[in-house]
């Protein structure tokens, strides 16, 4: 996934964070948005490597 995707997802989470009344939920959304922005800044070939379940939890060497 590319930089634009992660930035778009982060922007959406920030919009939701502004709309929710629960401050704990808003804080969680802001934290997740920050994680996505950080992921957007990583080199693209490594961004997918950081996802723990990107292989569906199974070995690819099958």
Protein backbone atom coordinates (compact mmCIF):
# COMPACT_ATOMS: atom_id res chain seq x y z
CA UNK A 1 0.00 0.00 0.00
CA UNK A 2 1.23 3.43 -0.82
CA UNK A 3 1.72 6.71 0.92
CA UNK A 4 -1.53 8.19 -0.42
CA UNK A 5 -3.56 5.31 1.00
CA UNK A 6 -2.10 5.62 4.50
CA UNK A 7 -2.41 9.41 4.51
CA UNK A 8 -6.04 9.15 3.39
CA UNK A 9 -6.83 6.62 6.10
CA UNK A 10 -5.14 8.83 8.71
CA UNK A 11 -7.17 11.84 7.57
CA UNK A 12 -10.39 9.83 7.86
CA UNK A 13 -9.51 8.71 11.39
CA UNK A 14 -8.80 12.30 12.40
CA UNK A 15 -12.22 13.38 11.08
CA UNK A 16 -13.86 10.65 13.12
CA UNK A 17 -11.83 11.67 16.18
CA UNK A 18 -13.21 15.21 15.91
CA UNK A 19 -16.77 13.89 15.57
CA UNK A 20 -16.91 11.47 18.52
CA UNK A 21 -17.94 12.59 21.97
CA UNK A 22 -15.94 10.02 23.93
CA UNK A 23 -12.44 11.40 24.60
CA UNK A 24 -10.97 7.90 25.00
CA UNK A 25 -12.25 6.84 21.60
CA UNK A 26 -11.00 10.09 20.08
CA UNK A 27 -7.56 9.55 21.61
CA UNK A 28 -7.42 6.02 20.19
CA UNK A 29 -8.33 7.28 16.74
CA UNK A 30 -5.70 10.01 16.89
CA UNK A 31 -3.09 7.46 17.99
CA UNK A 32 -3.99 5.14 15.12
CA UNK A 33 -3.86 8.08 12.68
CA UNK A 34 -0.35 8.87 13.91
CA UNK A 35 0.65 5.24 13.32
CA UNK A 36 -0.68 5.41 9.76
CA UNK A 37 1.14 8.68 9.07
CA UNK A 38 4.35 7.06 10.33
CA UNK A 39 3.76 4.06 8.10
CA UNK A 40 3.20 6.39 5.13
CA UNK A 41 6.68 7.82 5.63
CA UNK A 42 8.38 4.40 5.51
CA UNK A 43 9.83 3.20 2.22
CA UNK A 44 7.06 1.47 0.31
CA UNK A 45 8.81 -1.88 -0.03
CA UNK A 46 9.06 -2.18 3.77
CA UNK A 47 5.60 -0.90 4.77
CA UNK A 48 3.92 -4.24 4.10
CA UNK A 49 6.64 -6.13 5.98
CA UNK A 50 5.59 -4.48 9.24
CA UNK A 51 2.05 -5.93 9.18
CA UNK A 52 2.01 -8.95 11.49
CA UNK A 53 -0.88 -10.69 9.74
CA UNK A 54 -0.07 -9.73 6.16
CA UNK A 55 0.37 -13.41 5.28
CA UNK A 56 -2.84 -14.40 7.04
CA UNK A 57 -0.88 -15.81 9.95
CA UNK A 58 0.55 -18.59 7.83
CA UNK A 59 3.98 -19.28 6.43
CA UNK A 60 4.45 -18.40 2.77
CA UNK A 61 6.86 -21.29 2.21
CA UNK A 62 3.95 -23.80 2.46
